[in-house]
PDB file of N, CA and C in Angstrom:
ATOM      1  N   MET A   1       4.765  68.242  95.403  1.00  0.00           N
ATOM      2  CA  MET A   1       3.415  68.454  95.396  1.00  0.00           C
ATOM      3  C   MET A   1       3.348  69.887  96.726  1.00  0.00           C
ATOM      4  N   LEU A   2       4.719  69.266  97.642  1.00  0.00           N
ATOM      5  CA  LEU A   2       5.314  70.170  98.709  1.00  0.00           C
ATOM      6  C   LEU A   2       5.930  70.852  97.943  1.00  0.00           C
ATOM      7  N   THR A   3       6.773  70.984  97.298  1.00  0.00           N
ATOM      8  CA  THR A   3       7.467  71.533  96.933  1.00  0.00           C
ATOM      9  C   THR A   3       8.044  73.101  97.203  1.00  0.00           C
ATOM     10  N   GLY A   4       7.187  73.644  97.217  1.00  0.00           N
ATOM     11  CA  GLY A   4       7.375  75.593  97.329  1.00  0.00           C
ATOM     12  C   GLY A   4       6.680  76.233  98.277  1.00  0.00           C
ATOM     13  N   LEU A   5       6.287  74.718  99.785  1.00  0.00           N
ATOM     14  CA  LEU A   5       5.562  75.606 100.751  1.00  0.00           C
ATOM     15  C   LEU A   5       6.705  76.611 101.577  1.00  0.00           C
ATOM     16  N   PHE A   6       7.781  76.057 101.316  1.00  0.00           N
ATOM     17  CA  PHE A   6       8.466  76.779 102.286  1.00  0.00           C
ATOM     18  C   PHE A   6       9.436  78.063 102.029  1.00  0.00           C
ATOM     19  N   GLU A   7       8.643  78.695 100.885  1.00  0.00           N
ATOM     20  CA  GLU A   7       9.072  79.791 100.550  1.00  0.00           C
ATOM     21  C   GLU A   7       9.151  80.890 101.139  1.00  0.00           C
ATOM     22  N   PRO A   8      10.412  82.157 101.077  1.00  0.00           N
ATOM     23  CA  PRO A   8       9.867  83.221 102.126  1.00  0.00           C
ATOM     24  C   PRO A   8       8.749  83.507 101.884  1.00  0.00           C
ATOM     25  N   ILE A   9       7.945  83.807 101.240  1.00  0.00           N
ATOM     26  CA  ILE A   9       6.307  84.469 101.171  1.00  0.00           C
ATOM     27  C   ILE A   9       5.417  84.095 102.064  1.00  0.00           C
ATOM     28  N   HIS A  10       5.617  82.661 101.565  1.00  0.00           N
ATOM     29  CA  HIS A  10       4.576  81.660 102.382  1.00  0.00           C
ATOM     30  C   HIS A  10       4.755  81.704 103.829  1.00  0.00           C
ATOM     31  N   LEU A  11       5.850  81.814 104.461  1.00  0.00           N
ATOM     32  CA  LEU A  11       6.522  81.833 105.896  1.00  0.00           C
ATOM     33  C   LEU A  11       5.919  82.619 106.631  1.00  0.00           C
ATOM     34  N   ILE A  12       6.059  83.715 105.719  1.00  0.00           N
ATOM     35  CA  ILE A  12       5.312  85.498 106.561  1.00  0.00           C
ATOM     36  C   ILE A  12       3.965  85.478 105.837  1.00  0.00           C
ATOM     37  N   VAL A  13       3.459  84.885 105.195  1.00  0.00           N
ATOM     38  CA  VAL A  13       1.642  84.858 105.194  1.00  0.00           C
ATOM     39  C   VAL A  13       1.196  83.768 106.531  1.00  0.00           C
ATOM     40  N   ILE A  14       2.243  82.790 106.378  1.00  0.00           N
ATOM     41  CA  ILE A  14       1.445  81.985 107.539  1.00  0.00           C
ATOM     42  C   ILE A  14       1.826  82.617 108.678  1.00  0.00           C
ATOM     43  N   LEU A  15       2.991  83.650 109.130  1.00  0.00           N
ATOM     44  CA  LEU A  15       3.179  83.634 110.332  1.00  0.00           C
ATOM     45  C   LEU A  15       2.425  85.110 110.586  1.00  0.00           C
ATOM     46  N   LEU A  16       1.564  86.008 109.735  1.00  0.00           N
ATOM     47  CA  LEU A  16       0.575  86.649 109.529  1.00  0.00           C
ATOM     48  C   LEU A  16      -0.429  85.980 110.014  1.00  0.00           C
ATOM     49  N   ILE A  17      -1.095  84.659 109.285  1.00  0.00           N
ATOM     50  CA  ILE A  17      -2.075  84.240 109.665  1.00  0.00           C
ATOM     51  C   ILE A  17      -1.565  84.234 110.964  1.00  0.00           C
ATOM     52  N   VAL A  18      -0.917  83.415 111.906  1.00  0.00           N
ATOM     53  CA  VAL A  18      -1.261  82.836 113.486  1.00  0.00           C
ATOM     54  C   VAL A  18      -0.702  84.037 113.803  1.00  0.00           C
ATOM     55  N   MET A  19      -0.311  85.224 114.144  1.00  0.00           N
ATOM     56  CA  MET A  19      -0.278  86.430 114.328  1.00  0.00           C
ATOM     57  C   MET A  19      -1.967  86.916 114.740  1.00  0.00           C
ATOM     58  N   LEU A  20      -2.394  87.381 113.970  1.00  0.00           N
ATOM     59  CA  LEU A  20      -4.244  87.172 113.777  1.00  0.00           C
ATOM     60  C   LEU A  20      -5.118  86.109 114.205  1.00  0.00           C
ATOM     61  N   VAL A  21      -4.348  84.857 114.412  1.00  0.00           N
ATOM     62  CA  VAL A  21      -5.639  84.113 115.190  1.00  0.00           C
ATOM     63  C   VAL A  21      -5.219  83.876 116.537  1.00  0.00           C
ATOM     64  N   PHE A  22      -3.591  84.314 116.867  1.00  0.00           N
ATOM     65  CA  PHE A  22      -3.312  84.387 118.615  1.00  0.00           C
ATOM     66  C   PHE A  22      -3.212  85.510 119.549  1.00  0.00           C
ATOM     67  N   GLY A  23      -2.508  86.324 118.339  1.00  0.00           N
ATOM     68  CA  GLY A  23      -2.308  87.431 119.081  1.00  0.00           C
ATOM     69  C   GLY A  23      -0.853  87.852 119.360  1.00  0.00           C
ATOM     70  N   ALA A  24      -0.319  89.293 118.585  1.00  0.00           N
ATOM     71  CA  ALA A  24       1.271  89.580 119.810  1.00  0.00           C
ATOM     72  C   ALA A  24       1.727  88.899 120.959  1.00  0.00           C
ATOM     73  N   LYS A  25       0.446  89.490 121.703  1.00  0.00           N
ATOM     74  CA  LYS A  25       0.814  89.193 123.184  1.00  0.00           C
ATOM     75  C   LYS A  25       1.033  87.499 123.142  1.00  0.00           C
ATOM     76  N   LYS A  26       0.388  86.990 122.993  1.00  0.00           N
ATOM     77  CA  LYS A  26       0.378  85.021 122.819  1.00  0.00           C
ATOM     78  C   LYS A  26       0.828  84.370 122.646  1.00  0.00           C
ATOM     79  N   LEU A  27       1.886  85.102 121.063  1.00  0.00           N
ATOM     80  CA  LEU A  27       2.995  83.911 120.592  1.00  0.00           C
ATOM     81  C   LEU A  27       4.090  84.236 121.446  1.00  0.00           C
ATOM     82  N   PRO A  28       4.945  85.385 122.221  1.00  0.00           N
ATOM     83  CA  PRO A  28       5.841  84.088 123.092  1.00  0.00           C
ATOM     84  C   PRO A  28       5.562  82.894 124.267  1.00  0.00           C
ATOM     85  N   GLU A  29       4.198  83.248 124.614  1.00  0.00           N
ATOM     86  CA  GLU A  29       3.711  82.277 125.704  1.00  0.00           C
ATOM     87  C   GLU A  29       3.696  80.712 124.854  1.00  0.00           C
ATOM     88  N   ILE A  30       3.239  80.939 123.925  1.00  0.00           N
ATOM     89  CA  ILE A  30       3.548  79.931 122.957  1.00  0.00           C
ATOM     90  C   ILE A  30       4.483  79.425 122.364  1.00  0.00           C
ATOM     91  N   GLY A  31       5.456  80.117 121.912  1.00  0.00           N
ATOM     92  CA  GLY A  31       6.894  79.584 121.761  1.00  0.00           C
ATOM     93  C   GLY A  31       7.616  79.230 122.927  1.00  0.00           C
ATOM     94  N   SER A  32       6.970  79.451 124.030  1.00  0.00           N
ATOM     95  CA  SER A  32       7.997  78.888 125.246  1.00  0.00           C
ATOM     96  C   SER A  32       7.433  77.635 126.080  1.00  0.00           C
ATOM     97  N   GLY A  33       6.050  77.676 125.621  1.00  0.00           N
ATOM     98  CA  GLY A  33       4.990  76.075 125.703  1.00  0.00           C
ATOM     99  C   GLY A  33       5.779  75.720 125.514  1.00  0.00           C
ATOM    100  N   MET A  34       5.941  75.666 123.776  1.00  0.00           N
ATOM    101  CA  MET A  34       6.480  74.513 122.892  1.00  0.00           C
ATOM    102  C   MET A  34       8.098  74.407 123.381  1.00  0.00           C
ATOM    103  N   GLY A  35       8.921  75.516 123.163  1.00  0.00           N
ATOM    104  CA  GLY A  35       9.951  74.646 123.880  1.00  0.00           C
ATOM    105  C   GLY A  35       9.953  74.247 124.859  1.00  0.00           C
ATOM    106  N   LYS A  36       9.348  74.231 125.984  1.00  0.00           N
ATOM    107  CA  LYS A  36       9.624  73.146 127.249  1.00  0.00           C
ATOM    108  C   LYS A  36       9.129  72.184 126.647  1.00  0.00           C
ATOM    109  N   ALA A  37       7.975  71.896 126.037  1.00  0.00           N
ATOM    110  CA  ALA A  37       7.427  70.332 125.684  1.00  0.00           C
ATOM    111  C   ALA A  37       8.279  69.607 125.044  1.00  0.00           C
ATOM    112  N   ILE A  38       9.474  70.394 123.887  1.00  0.00           N
ATOM    113  CA  ILE A  38      10.303  69.426 123.113  1.00  0.00           C
ATOM    114  C   ILE A  38      11.142  69.200 124.009  1.00  0.00           C
ATOM    115  N   SER A  39      11.838  69.941 124.438  1.00  0.00           N
ATOM    116  CA  SER A  39      12.709  69.693 125.912  1.00  0.00           C
ATOM    117  C   SER A  39      12.525  68.517 126.913  1.00  0.00           C
ATOM    118  N   ASN A  40      11.188  68.770 127.191  1.00  0.00           N
ATOM    119  CA  ASN A  40      10.737  67.419 127.979  1.00  0.00           C
ATOM    120  C   ASN A  40      10.958  65.988 127.366  1.00  0.00           C
ATOM    121  N   PHE A  41      10.559  66.448 125.952  1.00  0.00           N
ATOM    122  CA  PHE A  41      10.526  65.649 125.247  1.00  0.00           C
ATOM    123  C   PHE A  41      11.814  64.613 124.643  1.00  0.00           C
ATOM    124  N   LYS A  42      12.435  65.375 124.567  1.00  0.00           N
ATOM    125  CA  LYS A  42      14.204  64.804 124.408  1.00  0.00           C
ATOM    126  C   LYS A  42      14.947  64.669 125.496  1.00  0.00           C
ATOM    127  N   ARG A  43      14.760  64.895 126.995  1.00  0.00           N
ATOM    128  CA  ARG A  43      15.041  64.405 128.002  1.00  0.00           C
ATOM    129  C   ARG A  43      14.258  63.324 128.346  1.00  0.00           C
ATOM    130  N   SER A  44      12.873  62.722 128.362  1.00  0.00           N
ATOM    131  CA  SER A  44      12.335  61.161 128.590  1.00  0.00           C
ATOM    132  C   SER A  44      13.362  60.684 127.772  1.00  0.00           C
ATOM    133  N   ILE A  45      13.201  61.287 125.724  1.00  0.00           N
ATOM    134  CA  ILE A  45      14.316  59.737 125.569  1.00  0.00           C
ATOM    135  C   ILE A  45      15.663  59.333 125.748  1.00  0.00           C
ATOM    136  N   LYS A  46      16.474  60.524 126.317  1.00  0.00           N
ATOM    137  CA  LYS A  46      17.711  60.411 126.613  1.00  0.00           C
ATOM    138  C   LYS A  46      16.771  59.451 127.543  1.00  0.00           C
ATOM    139  N   ASP A  47      16.165  59.655 129.125  1.00  0.00           N
ATOM    140  CA  ASP A  47      16.088  58.829 130.545  1.00  0.00           C
ATOM    141  C   ASP A  47      15.983  57.519 129.570  1.00  0.00           C
ATOM    142  N   ASN A  48      15.192  57.325 128.542  1.00  0.00           N
ATOM    143  CA  ASN A  48      15.037  55.854 128.778  1.00  0.00           C
ATOM    144  C   ASN A  48      15.204  55.134 126.967  1.00  0.00           C
ATOM    145  N   PRO A  49      16.178  54.809 127.094  1.00  0.00           N
ATOM    146  CA  PRO A  49      16.576  54.986 125.297  1.00  0.00           C
ATOM    147  C   PRO A  49      16.437  53.676 125.042  1.00  0.00           C
ATOM    148  N   ASP A  50      15.668  52.478 125.543  1.00  0.00           N
ATOM    149  CA  ASP A  50      15.740  50.804 125.843  1.00  0.00           C
ATOM    150  C   ASP A  50      14.732  51.124 125.128  1.00  0.00           C
ATOM    151  N   PRO A  51      13.837  50.456 123.746  1.00  0.00           N
ATOM    152  CA  PRO A  51      12.563  49.946 123.608  1.00  0.00           C
ATOM    153  C   PRO A  51      12.170  49.362 125.026  1.00  0.00           C
ATOM    154  N   PRO A  52      10.673  48.533 124.700  1.00  0.00           N
ATOM    155  CA  PRO A  52       9.984  48.128 125.377  1.00  0.00           C
ATOM    156  C   PRO A  52      10.090  46.666 125.325  1.00  0.00           C
ATOM    157  N   GLU A  53      10.465  45.752 126.162  1.00  0.00           N
ATOM    158  CA  GLU A  53      10.077  44.542 125.588  1.00  0.00           C
ATOM    159  C   GLU A  53       8.890  44.023 125.332  1.00  0.00           C
ATOM    160  N   PRO A  54       8.594  43.153 124.379  1.00  0.00           N
ATOM    161  CA  PRO A  54       6.963  42.570 124.132  1.00  0.00           C
ATOM    162  C   PRO A  54       6.720  41.623 124.767  1.00  0.00           C
ATOM    163  N   ASP A  55       5.809  41.485 125.826  1.00  0.00           N
ATOM    164  CA  ASP A  55       5.204  40.418 126.349  1.00  0.00           C
ATOM    165  C   ASP A  55       5.299  38.827 126.245  1.00  0.00           C
ATOM    166  N   ASP A  56       5.552  38.338 126.936  1.00  0.00           N
ATOM    167  CA  ASP A  56       5.708  37.135 126.776  1.00  0.00           C
ATOM    168  C   ASP A  56       3.945  36.216 127.061  1.00  0.00           C
ATOM    169  N   LYS A  57       3.387  36.571 127.640  1.00  0.00           N
ATOM    170  CA  LYS A  57       1.979  36.432 127.186  1.00  0.00           C
ATOM    171  C   LYS A  57       1.688  36.313 126.002  1.00  0.00           C
ATOM    172  N   LEU A  58       1.946  37.887 125.030  1.00  0.00           N
ATOM    173  CA  LEU A  58       1.238  37.539 123.768  1.00  0.00           C
ATOM    174  C   LEU A  58       1.887  36.763 122.563  1.00  0.00           C
ATOM    175  N   GLU A  59       3.770  36.150 122.939  1.00  0.00           N
ATOM    176  CA  GLU A  59       3.888  35.394 122.460  1.00  0.00           C
ATOM    177  C   GLU A  59       3.785  33.920 122.434  1.00  0.00           C
ATOM    178  N   SER A  60       2.941  33.551 123.469  1.00  0.00           N
ATOM    179  CA  SER A  60       3.093  32.285 123.920  1.00  0.00           C
ATOM    180  C   SER A  60       1.211  31.902 123.576  1.00  0.00           C
ATOM    181  N   LYS A  61       0.441  33.225 123.494  1.00  0.00           N
ATOM    182  CA  LYS A  61      -1.025  33.033 122.231  1.00  0.00           C
ATOM    183  C   LYS A  61      -0.656  32.375 120.808  1.00  0.00           C
ATOM    184  N   LYS A  62       0.283  32.411 120.576  1.00  0.00           N
ATOM    185  CA  LYS A  62       0.612  31.943 118.757  1.00  0.00           C
ATOM    186  C   LYS A  62       0.781  30.747 118.742  1.00  0.00           C
TER     187      LYS A  62
END
């Protein structure tokens, strides 16, 4: 279904649409914001690698 989605011509068309919607001046701001968000997400995963433990209250009700 999505086999030809990431061909170079499709990526160029998507880039052009994004430039029309957001404008060329906003793209660097959007990119830096997304980069900061991804790095914060990775940092939060490294800081807390343990999954939360299940509550004992939920298990005692069963």
